[in-house]
């Protein structure tokens, strides 16, 4: 909260020092609008890496890998927890 107050005071000081020429302010507004449009046009790219706590894919979240139906081996990717480390 304190940061917002300090930021507002700093911005108020910056606005008071702008020249009387309106073209500079218009240029800044256009560049800001352009940056916002370009940022919104970027597609959201999801992370391909699994996050800690997600279900382990090799063992399908069970923590064990079946070999021949009778013998079950602990999953090495998650350490048997069924969750990504």
Protein backbone atom coordinates (compact mmCIF):
# COMPACT_ATOMS: atom_id res chain seq x y z
CA UNK A 1 0.00 0.00 0.00
CA UNK A 2 2.83 2.40 0.82
CA UNK A 3 4.39 1.65 -2.54
CA UNK A 4 1.24 2.84 -4.34
CA UNK A 5 1.26 6.14 -2.45
CA UNK A 6 4.92 6.74 -3.26
CA UNK A 7 4.30 5.82 -6.90
CA UNK A 8 1.38 8.26 -7.14
CA UNK A 9 3.48 11.06 -5.65
CA UNK A 10 6.29 10.32 -8.10
CA UNK A 11 3.88 10.26 -11.03
CA UNK A 12 2.29 13.52 -9.95
CA UNK A 13 5.74 15.10 -9.90
CA UNK A 14 6.51 13.75 -13.36
CA UNK A 15 3.26 15.03 -14.82
CA UNK A 16 3.86 18.53 -13.44
CA UNK A 17 7.18 18.75 -15.28
CA UNK A 18 5.80 17.97 -18.75
CA UNK A 19 6.14 20.82 -21.24
CA UNK A 20 3.16 22.77 -22.51
CA UNK A 21 3.55 21.18 -25.96
CA UNK A 22 0.79 18.57 -26.29
CA UNK A 23 2.52 16.57 -29.05
CA UNK A 24 4.86 14.87 -26.58
CA UNK A 25 1.95 13.70 -24.44
CA UNK A 26 0.08 12.53 -27.54
CA UNK A 27 3.12 10.58 -28.72
CA UNK A 28 3.46 8.92 -25.31
CA UNK A 29 -0.23 8.02 -25.32
CA UNK A 30 0.02 6.51 -28.82
CA UNK A 31 3.10 4.48 -27.97
CA UNK A 32 1.47 3.21 -24.77
CA UNK A 33 -1.71 2.22 -26.64
CA UNK A 34 0.39 0.46 -29.30
CA UNK A 35 2.31 -1.48 -26.64
CA UNK A 36 -0.95 -2.56 -24.97
CA UNK A 37 -2.45 -3.75 -28.27
CA UNK A 38 0.69 -5.71 -29.14
CA UNK A 39 0.81 -7.29 -25.69
CA UNK A 40 -2.82 -8.37 -25.87
CA UNK A 41 -2.34 -9.80 -29.37
CA UNK A 42 0.30 -12.26 -28.17
CA UNK A 43 -1.16 -15.72 -27.69
CA UNK A 44 -0.96 -17.25 -24.26
CA UNK A 45 1.71 -19.92 -24.48
CA UNK A 46 1.25 -22.57 -21.80
CA UNK A 47 4.29 -24.02 -20.11
CA UNK A 48 5.11 -27.47 -21.44
CA UNK A 49 7.09 -28.33 -18.32
CA UNK A 50 5.11 -30.06 -15.59
CA UNK A 51 4.79 -28.16 -12.33
CA UNK A 52 5.64 -29.68 -8.95
CA UNK A 53 2.59 -31.54 -7.66
CA UNK A 54 1.19 -32.38 -11.10
CA UNK A 55 0.35 -35.99 -11.92
CA UNK A 56 3.36 -37.98 -13.13
CA UNK A 57 2.88 -39.00 -16.77
CA UNK A 58 5.07 -42.14 -16.98
CA UNK A 59 3.16 -43.90 -14.18
CA UNK A 60 -0.14 -42.03 -14.68
CA UNK A 61 -0.07 -40.84 -11.07
CA UNK A 62 0.10 -44.31 -9.51
CA UNK A 63 3.79 -44.26 -8.56
CA UNK A 64 4.29 -47.76 -9.96
CA UNK A 65 5.19 -49.03 -13.41
CA UNK A 66 3.76 -52.41 -14.44
CA UNK A 67 6.22 -54.70 -16.19
CA UNK A 68 4.51 -58.00 -17.02
CA UNK A 69 1.36 -57.88 -14.92
CA UNK A 70 2.81 -59.56 -11.82
CA UNK A 71 5.88 -57.53 -11.03
CA UNK A 72 5.43 -53.85 -10.25
CA UNK A 73 8.38 -51.45 -10.22
CA UNK A 74 8.50 -48.10 -8.46
CA UNK A 75 8.42 -45.19 -10.92
CA UNK A 76 11.81 -43.53 -11.18
CA UNK A 77 10.48 -40.23 -12.51
CA UNK A 78 8.42 -39.41 -9.42
CA UNK A 79 10.07 -41.68 -6.86
CA UNK A 80 6.84 -43.59 -6.27
CA UNK A 81 4.79 -40.61 -5.17
CA UNK A 82 2.75 -40.26 -8.37
CA UNK A 83 3.45 -36.52 -8.38
CA UNK A 84 6.09 -34.52 -10.26
CA UNK A 85 9.01 -33.49 -8.06
